[in-house]
Every structure is written in C-alpha cells, then in structure tokens.
C-alpha atoms as a PDB file:
ATOM      1  CA  MET A   1      24.424   0.289  14.875  1.00  0.00           C
ATOM      2  CA  ARG A   2      25.453   2.827  12.073  1.00  0.00           C
ATOM      3  CA  GLN A   3      27.696   0.153  10.758  1.00  0.00           C
ATOM      4  CA  GLN A   4      24.962  -2.504  10.581  1.00  0.00           C
ATOM      5  CA  VAL A   5      22.692  -0.217   8.933  1.00  0.00           C
ATOM      6  CA  ARG A   6      25.512   0.728   6.402  1.00  0.00           C
ATOM      7  CA  THR A   7      26.407  -2.984   5.834  1.00  0.00           C
ATOM      8  CA  ALA A   8      22.618  -4.320   5.691  1.00  0.00           C
ATOM      9  CA  PRO A   9      21.143  -5.477   2.502  1.00  0.00           C
ATOM     10  CA  ALA A  10      19.375  -2.953   0.301  1.00  0.00           C
ATOM     11  CA  ALA A  11      15.728  -2.262   1.039  1.00  0.00           C
ATOM     12  CA  LEU A  12      15.308  -1.915  -2.537  1.00  0.00           C
ATOM     13  CA  PRO A  13      17.176  -4.663  -4.562  1.00  0.00           C
ATOM     14  CA  ALA A  14      19.102  -3.604  -7.437  1.00  0.00           C
ATOM     15  CA  VAL A  15      17.216  -5.775 -10.013  1.00  0.00           C
ATOM     16  CA  LEU A  16      13.959  -3.767  -9.031  1.00  0.00           C
ATOM     17  CA  ARG A  17      15.104  -0.206  -9.184  1.00  0.00           C
ATOM     18  CA  ALA A  18      14.282   0.566 -12.650  1.00  0.00           C
ATOM     19  CA  PRO A  19      11.112  -1.327 -13.217  1.00  0.00           C
ATOM     20  CA  LEU A  20       9.534  -0.299  -9.602  1.00  0.00           C
ATOM     21  CA  ALA A  21      10.532   3.350 -10.550  1.00  0.00           C
ATOM     22  CA  MET A  22       8.414   2.965 -13.905  1.00  0.00           C
ATOM     23  CA  MET A  23       5.653   1.623 -12.002  1.00  0.00           C
ATOM     24  CA  ALA A  24       5.795   4.175  -9.111  1.00  0.00           C
ATOM     25  CA  ALA A  25       5.572   6.933 -11.717  1.00  0.00           C
ATOM     26  CA  LEU A  26       2.699   5.148 -13.541  1.00  0.00           C
ATOM     27  CA  ALA A  27       1.009   4.724 -10.187  1.00  0.00           C
ATOM     28  CA  THR A  28       1.421   8.362  -9.408  1.00  0.00           C
ATOM     29  CA  ALA A  29      -0.229   9.217 -12.583  1.00  0.00           C
ATOM     30  CA  VAL A  30      -3.251   6.948 -11.943  1.00  0.00           C
ATOM     31  CA  LEU A  31      -3.592   8.275  -8.341  1.00  0.00           C
ATOM     32  CA  VAL A  32      -3.629  11.883  -9.639  1.00  0.00           C
ATOM     33  CA  ALA A  33      -5.940  11.097 -12.661  1.00  0.00           C
ATOM     34  CA  LEU A  34      -8.513   9.382 -10.371  1.00  0.00           C
ATOM     35  CA  GLY A  35      -8.268  12.162  -7.939  1.00  0.00           C
ATOM     36  CA  ILE A  36      -9.063  14.841 -10.701  1.00  0.00           C
ATOM     37  CA  LEU A  37     -11.575  12.432 -12.318  1.00  0.00           C
ATOM     38  CA  HIS A  38     -13.574  12.357  -8.642  1.00  0.00           C
ATOM     39  CA  PHE A  39     -12.736  15.822  -7.412  1.00  0.00           C
ATOM     40  CA  HIS A  40     -15.700  16.792  -5.100  1.00  0.00           C
ATOM     41  CA  ASP A  41     -17.690  14.370  -7.062  1.00  0.00           C
ATOM     42  CA  SER A  42     -19.367  11.349  -5.403  1.00  0.00           C
ATOM     43  CA  GLY A  43     -21.234  10.058  -8.129  1.00  0.00           C
ATOM     44  CA  LEU A  44     -21.288   6.480  -9.362  1.00  0.00           C
ATOM     45  CA  THR A  45     -19.616   5.937 -12.813  1.00  0.00           C
ATOM     46  CA  GLY A  46     -17.406   3.595 -14.719  1.00  0.00           C
ATOM     47  CA  LEU A  47     -15.726   1.053 -12.598  1.00  0.00           C
ATOM     48  CA  ASP A  48     -17.678   2.134  -9.365  1.00  0.00           C
ATOM     49  CA  ALA A  49     -20.858   1.801 -10.960  1.00  0.00           C
ATOM     50  CA  ALA A  50     -19.946  -1.582 -12.319  1.00  0.00           C
ATOM     51  CA  VAL A  51     -18.532  -3.239  -9.187  1.00  0.00           C
ATOM     52  CA  LEU A  52     -19.967  -1.481  -6.318  1.00  0.00           C
ATOM     53  CA  PRO A  53     -23.646  -2.981  -6.348  1.00  0.00           C
ATOM     54  CA  SER A  54     -22.353  -6.553  -6.456  1.00  0.00           C
ATOM     55  CA  ILE A  55     -20.097  -6.156  -3.509  1.00  0.00           C
ATOM     56  CA  ASP A  56     -21.490  -3.482  -1.142  1.00  0.00           C
ATOM     57  CA  GLY A  57     -23.358  -4.999   1.988  1.00  0.00           C
ATOM     58  CA  VAL A  58     -21.750  -8.300   1.961  1.00  0.00           C
ATOM     59  CA  ARG A  59     -23.685 -10.799   4.420  1.00  0.00           C
ATOM     60  CA  PRO A  60     -21.951 -13.205   6.746  1.00  0.00           C
ATOM     61  CA  PRO A  61     -19.956 -15.072   6.843  1.00  0.00           C
ATOM     62  CA  TRP A  62     -18.194 -13.042   4.303  1.00  0.00           C
ATOM     63  CA  ARG A  63     -18.724  -9.809   6.333  1.00  0.00           C
ATOM     64  CA  TYR A  64     -16.902 -11.321   9.085  1.00  0.00           C
ATOM     65  CA  VAL A  65     -13.984 -11.912   6.777  1.00  0.00           C
ATOM     66  CA  ALA A  66     -14.155  -8.181   5.663  1.00  0.00           C
ATOM     67  CA  LEU A  67     -14.309  -7.032   9.266  1.00  0.00           C
ATOM     68  CA  VAL A  68     -11.018  -9.049  10.026  1.00  0.00           C
ATOM     69  CA  PHE A  69      -9.354  -7.458   7.092  1.00  0.00           C
ATOM     70  CA  ASP A  70     -10.603  -4.071   8.130  1.00  0.00           C
ATOM     71  CA  PHE A  71      -9.271  -4.291  11.647  1.00  0.00           C
ATOM     72  CA  GLY A  72      -5.754  -4.671  10.117  1.00  0.00           C
ATOM     73  CA  GLY A  73      -6.162  -1.160   8.611  1.00  0.00           C
ATOM     74  CA  GLU A  74      -7.211   0.308  12.003  1.00  0.00           C
ATOM     75  CA  PRO A  75      -4.835   2.178  14.130  1.00  0.00           C
ATOM     76  CA  LEU A  76      -4.312  -0.778  16.710  1.00  0.00           C
ATOM     77  CA  GLY A  77      -4.369  -3.611  13.825  1.00  0.00           C
ATOM     78  CA  SER A  78      -2.103  -1.674  11.690  1.00  0.00           C
ATOM     79  CA  THR A  79       0.265  -0.840  14.623  1.00  0.00           C
ATOM     80  CA  ILE A  80       0.336  -4.432  15.541  1.00  0.00           C
ATOM     81  CA  LEU A  81       1.221  -5.714  11.803  1.00  0.00           C
ATOM     82  CA  VAL A  82       3.884  -3.025  11.444  1.00  0.00           C
ATOM     83  CA  ALA A  83       5.423  -3.656  14.809  1.00  0.00           C
ATOM     84  CA  VAL A  84       5.491  -7.689  13.950  1.00  0.00           C
ATOM     85  CA  ILE A  85       6.953  -7.144  10.308  1.00  0.00           C
ATOM     86  CA  ALA A  86       9.366  -4.614  11.334  1.00  0.00           C
ATOM     87  CA  ALA A  87      10.501  -6.945  14.228  1.00  0.00           C
ATOM     88  CA  VAL A  88      10.959 -10.062  12.071  1.00  0.00           C
ATOM     89  CA  CYS A  89      12.898  -7.914   9.552  1.00  0.00           C
ATOM     90  CA  PHE A  90      15.169  -6.733  12.407  1.00  0.00           C
ATOM     91  CA  LEU A  91      15.790 -10.331  13.779  1.00  0.00           C
ATOM     92  CA  VAL A  92      16.746 -11.736  10.202  1.00  0.00           C
ATOM     93  CA  HIS A  93      19.152  -8.734   9.996  1.00  0.00           C
ATOM     94  CA  ARG A  94      17.006  -6.807   7.319  1.00  0.00           C
ATOM     95  CA  ILE A  95      17.435  -3.466   9.324  1.00  0.00           C
ATOM     96  CA  ARG A  96      16.806  -1.261   6.144  1.00  0.00           C
ATOM     97  CA  ALA A  97      13.565  -3.177   5.426  1.00  0.00           C
ATOM     98  CA  ALA A  98      12.509  -2.852   9.012  1.00  0.00           C
ATOM     99  CA  VAL A  99      12.994   1.083   8.710  1.00  0.00           C
ATOM    100  CA  VAL A 100      11.175   1.026   5.505  1.00  0.00           C
ATOM    101  CA  THR A 101       8.237  -1.025   7.100  1.00  0.00           C
ATOM    102  CA  VAL A 102       7.659   1.839   9.448  1.00  0.00           C
ATOM    103  CA  LEU A 103       8.638   4.898   7.389  1.00  0.00           C
ATOM    104  CA  GLY A 104       6.829   3.537   4.206  1.00  0.00           C
ATOM    105  CA  VAL A 105       3.650   2.850   6.077  1.00  0.00           C
ATOM    106  CA  VAL A 106       3.742   6.265   7.758  1.00  0.00           C
ATOM    107  CA  VAL A 107       4.478   8.258   4.553  1.00  0.00           C
ATOM    108  CA  THR A 108       1.901   6.079   2.500  1.00  0.00           C
ATOM    109  CA  VAL A 109      -0.897   6.754   5.124  1.00  0.00           C
ATOM    110  CA  ALA A 110       0.006  10.361   5.367  1.00  0.00           C
ATOM    111  CA  VAL A 111      -0.276  10.960   1.446  1.00  0.00           C
ATOM    112  CA  THR A 112      -3.754   9.409   1.694  1.00  0.00           C
ATOM    113  CA  THR A 113      -4.800  11.473   4.635  1.00  0.00           C
ATOM    114  CA  VAL A 114      -3.517  14.721   2.938  1.00  0.00           C
ATOM    115  CA  LEU A 115      -5.264  13.586  -0.292  1.00  0.00           C
ATOM    116  CA  LYS A 116      -8.474  13.227   1.124  1.00  0.00           C
ATOM    117  CA  PRO A 117      -9.712  16.731   1.642  1.00  0.00           C
ATOM    118  CA  ILE A 118      -7.986  17.905  -1.396  1.00  0.00           C
ATOM    119  CA  VAL A 119      -9.965  15.420  -3.544  1.00  0.00           C
ATOM    120  CA  GLY A 120     -13.020  15.911  -1.396  1.00  0.00           C
ATOM    121  CA  ARG A 121     -14.955  12.777  -2.441  1.00  0.00           C
ATOM    122  CA  THR A 122     -17.285  11.553  -0.026  1.00  0.00           C
ATOM    123  CA  ILE A 123     -19.376   8.408   0.834  1.00  0.00           C
ATOM    124  CA  HIS A 124     -22.474   8.320   2.590  1.00  0.00           C
ATOM    125  CA  GLY A 125     -22.805  11.930   2.279  1.00  0.00           C
ATOM    126  CA  GLU A 126     -20.123  12.972   4.972  1.00  0.00           C
ATOM    127  CA  PHE A 127     -16.917  10.477   5.082  1.00  0.00           C
ATOM    128  CA  LEU A 128     -14.000  11.554   2.850  1.00  0.00           C
ATOM    129  CA  SER A 129     -13.181   8.434   0.941  1.00  0.00           C
ATOM    130  CA  TYR A 130     -10.533   9.029  -1.881  1.00  0.00           C
ATOM    131  CA  PRO A 131      -7.893   7.515  -1.608  1.00  0.00           C
ATOM    132  CA  SER A 132      -8.342   4.368   0.719  1.00  0.00           C
ATOM    133  CA  GLY A 133      -5.967   4.433   3.626  1.00  0.00           C
ATOM    134  CA  HIS A 134      -6.709   0.935   4.673  1.00  0.00           C
ATOM    135  CA  THR A 135      -5.867  -0.286   1.112  1.00  0.00           C
ATOM    136  CA  ALA A 136      -2.812   1.948   0.912  1.00  0.00           C
ATOM    137  CA  MET A 137      -1.489   0.514   4.181  1.00  0.00           C
ATOM    138  CA  ALA A 138      -2.035  -3.190   3.308  1.00  0.00           C
ATOM    139  CA  THR A 139      -0.355  -2.827   0.019  1.00  0.00           C
ATOM    140  CA  ALA A 140       2.527  -0.972   1.506  1.00  0.00           C
ATOM    141  CA  LEU A 141       3.169  -3.785   3.972  1.00  0.00           C
ATOM    142  CA  ALA A 142       2.907  -6.354   1.362  1.00  0.00           C
ATOM    143  CA  LEU A 143       5.380  -4.523  -0.774  1.00  0.00           C
ATOM    144  CA  VAL A 144       7.821  -4.481   2.055  1.00  0.00           C
ATOM    145  CA  ILE A 145       7.428  -8.369   2.383  1.00  0.00           C
ATOM    146  CA  ALA A 146       7.811  -8.830  -1.299  1.00  0.00           C
ATOM    147  CA  LEU A 147      10.704  -6.761  -1.570  1.00  0.00           C
ATOM    148  CA  VAL A 148      12.797  -8.782   1.103  1.00  0.00           C
ATOM    149  CA  LEU A 149      11.564 -12.048  -0.203  1.00  0.00           C
ATOM    150  CA  ALA A 150      12.706 -10.979  -3.861  1.00  0.00           C
ATOM    151  CA  ASP A 151      16.146 -10.348  -2.572  1.00  0.00           C
ATOM    152  CA  ARG A 152      16.577 -13.167  -0.091  1.00  0.00           C
ATOM    153  CA  LEU A 153      15.294 -15.743  -3.035  1.00  0.00           C
ATOM    154  CA  GLY A 154      17.873 -14.067  -5.342  1.00  0.00           C
ATOM    155  CA  LEU A 155      15.348 -13.726  -8.057  1.00  0.00           C
ATOM    156  CA  GLY A 156      15.843 -12.143 -11.475  1.00  0.00           C
ATOM    157  CA  ARG A 157      14.239  -9.179 -12.522  1.00  0.00           C
ATOM    158  CA  ALA A 158      11.316 -10.682 -14.178  1.00  0.00           C
ATOM    159  CA  ALA A 159      10.494 -13.136 -11.252  1.00  0.00           C
ATOM    160  CA  ALA A 160      11.064 -10.378  -8.767  1.00  0.00           C
ATOM    161  CA  VAL A 161       8.676  -8.052 -10.398  1.00  0.00           C
ATOM    162  CA  VAL A 162       6.052 -10.686 -10.634  1.00  0.00           C
ATOM    163  CA  VAL A 163       6.453 -11.592  -6.843  1.00  0.00           C
ATOM    164  CA  VAL A 164       6.442  -7.935  -5.801  1.00  0.00           C
ATOM    165  CA  LEU A 165       3.395  -7.030  -7.886  1.00  0.00           C
ATOM    166  CA  GLY A 166       1.679 -10.371  -7.100  1.00  0.00           C
ATOM    167  CA  LEU A 167       1.906 -10.013  -3.451  1.00  0.00           C
ATOM    168  CA  ALA A 168       1.113  -6.174  -3.482  1.00  0.00           C
ATOM    169  CA  LEU A 169      -1.867  -6.846  -5.890  1.00  0.00           C
ATOM    170  CA  VAL A 170      -3.363  -9.767  -3.376  1.00  0.00           C
ATOM    171  CA  ALA A 171      -3.009  -7.515  -0.459  1.00  0.00           C
ATOM    172  CA  GLY A 172      -4.603  -4.445  -2.219  1.00  0.00           C
ATOM    173  CA  VAL A 173      -7.480  -6.505  -3.793  1.00  0.00           C
ATOM    174  CA  ALA A 174      -8.161  -8.333  -0.217  1.00  0.00           C
ATOM    175  CA  MET A 175      -8.124  -4.987   1.553  1.00  0.00           C
ATOM    176  CA  GLY A 176      -9.969  -3.235  -1.187  1.00  0.00           C
ATOM    177  CA  TRP A 177     -12.789  -5.747  -1.380  1.00  0.00           C
ATOM    178  CA  ALA A 178     -13.283  -5.671   2.376  1.00  0.00           C
ATOM    179  CA  GLU A 179     -13.508  -1.731   2.348  1.00  0.00           C
ATOM    180  CA  VAL A 180     -16.115  -1.829  -0.474  1.00  0.00           C
ATOM    181  CA  ALA A 181     -18.130  -4.688   1.124  1.00  0.00           C
ATOM    182  CA  LEU A 182     -18.331  -2.861   4.414  1.00  0.00           C
ATOM    183  CA  GLY A 183     -19.444   0.381   2.475  1.00  0.00           C
ATOM    184  CA  ALA A 184     -16.638   2.317   3.570  1.00  0.00           C
ATOM    185  CA  HIS A 185     -15.032   2.983  -0.071  1.00  0.00           C
ATOM    186  CA  TYR A 186     -15.846   3.049  -3.474  1.00  0.00           C
ATOM    187  CA  PRO A 187     -13.879   0.556  -5.684  1.00  0.00           C
ATOM    188  CA  THR A 188     -11.859   3.599  -7.330  1.00  0.00           C
ATOM    189  CA  ASP A 189     -10.674   4.729  -3.779  1.00  0.00           C
ATOM    190  CA  ALA A 190      -9.257   1.235  -3.178  1.00  0.00           C
ATOM    191  CA  VAL A 191      -7.344   1.662  -6.699  1.00  0.00           C
ATOM    192  CA  GLY A 192      -5.990   5.108  -5.497  1.00  0.00           C
ATOM    193  CA  GLY A 193      -4.854   3.431  -2.225  1.00  0.00           C
ATOM    194  CA  PHE A 194      -3.092   0.737  -4.036  1.00  0.00           C
ATOM    195  CA  CYS A 195      -1.414   3.310  -6.333  1.00  0.00           C
ATOM    196  CA  ALA A 196      -0.323   5.535  -3.596  1.00  0.00           C
ATOM    197  CA  ALA A 197       1.461   2.741  -1.843  1.00  0.00           C
ATOM    198  CA  LEU A 198       3.009   1.481  -5.114  1.00  0.00           C
ATOM    199  CA  ALA A 199       4.366   5.352  -5.495  1.00  0.00           C
ATOM    200  CA  VAL A 200       5.396   5.597  -2.170  1.00  0.00           C
ATOM    201  CA  VAL A 201       7.235   2.424  -0.756  1.00  0.00           C
ATOM    202  CA  PRO A 202       9.772   2.021  -3.571  1.00  0.00           C
ATOM    203  CA  ALA A 203      10.747   5.746  -3.409  1.00  0.00           C
ATOM    204  CA  THR A 204      10.957   5.292   0.490  1.00  0.00           C
ATOM    205  CA  ALA A 205      13.160   2.267   0.135  1.00  0.00           C
ATOM    206  CA  TRP A 206      15.451   3.960  -2.541  1.00  0.00           C
ATOM    207  CA  LEU A 207      15.706   7.021   0.092  1.00  0.00           C
ATOM    208  CA  VAL A 208      16.483   4.531   3.023  1.00  0.00           C
ATOM    209  CA  ASP A 209      19.319   2.984   0.921  1.00  0.00           C
ATOM    210  CA  ARG A 210      20.843   6.371   0.025  1.00  0.00           C
ATOM    211  CA  VAL A 211      20.929   7.647   3.441  1.00  0.00           C
ATOM    212  CA  ALA A 212      22.426   4.357   4.701  1.00  0.00           C
ATOM    213  CA  ALA A 213      24.970   4.372   2.263  1.00  0.00           C
ATOM    214  CA  ARG A 214      26.082   7.676   3.541  1.00  0.00           C
ATOM    215  CA  LEU A 215      26.368   6.872   7.154  1.00  0.00           C
END
C-alpha cells in the first residue's frame, strides 16, 4: 500500500501548483477581509443588500432544487458524496486524490466551523453564518474532481486553471444560491465558504503529495 501511495499520480498536478498557490493566497485574503468586515455585524450592506432580497425565500419548484443541493451539504449527504468520490478515485488508482477527498473536505469544514464563532456573524438573530460550510464543502469536492480531470486529460496550465476554477465556481455558486435561497446564509457567507475551500484544498493536496513522496 505504501508503494502504491508513493507511485500514485500527484493529487496536485505540477502545472497547477503555482497558479493555485497564488489563488489560494488571494482566497485567504478575501476570506479574512470579509470576516473582518462582518465581524459581529449582521447588517445588510454591499453585495448582501443587492443580492439577498432577490434570492431569499425562493418558491417551489426552485425551493425543491435548493433543498436537494442543501442535503448534499448536510452530514448524511456530504458523507455519501465524499464516500462515493473517494471510492471512485481509489478505483481509478488515484489514491492520493482519494485521501484529499476526505482530508480536504474535513479540513475545509473544520476551518469554517472554527471561523464562525470567531467572526460572530449571525442570521435570523441566533445562527452563526460566516463562512458557509455547505458552500465550502461543495467547492472542495468540485476542486478534487477538477484536479483529477485536469491531470487525466493532460491539460496545459491555462486549460487546467479554467477547468479547476470553472468547476469550483459552478459548485460554489449552486450551493451558495441554495443556502441564500433557503435563508440559511448571506451571499458573502457563500463567498467566504468558496474562498475557504480554494485556500484549503490546494494546500491539502500539496501536503499529501509531500508526505506520499517521503513514504
């Protein structure tokens, strides 16, 4: 097993190391900046004031769509998704990617969980909201899938960046929309969750590669 991990394809393709490192740094800066901006402040300003009224309280059938997305971020739904994606990665001999699927989601959600009481932003008066763990989880899974696709397709740097950020953005927007539509988060909470995943997953993949190379 140790030999399989050491010789397995990299979790973070070489062509993406530099661009994702820069994007992770930018995402971290945005995550922190939004946290400072909304520190113990639950008022509607800027992006939240512009977007929230048009999305919050969506009606059927779109509400049902939002609930399906939301289930994917709940403990049961996320466990199923992580297990399925990790299993697929393992079956196609992407052992490092399978590890990142689990570890990346766990660390990403842990970061959002720790940040919520620190920032202290609430919605509906009592629920901690920044950053969105659901959005972070969805984005993290999309990033793992995108990293595998970019490597298997042998994409160059520019195309790989487009694929990775494109899939991450689609997943983040979809889950972020669902959370805002269901009244669980502000739009900037979703942005924070997206940035949390973008900061954590590439770093986790890089760390897994480093550890695997030393086995």
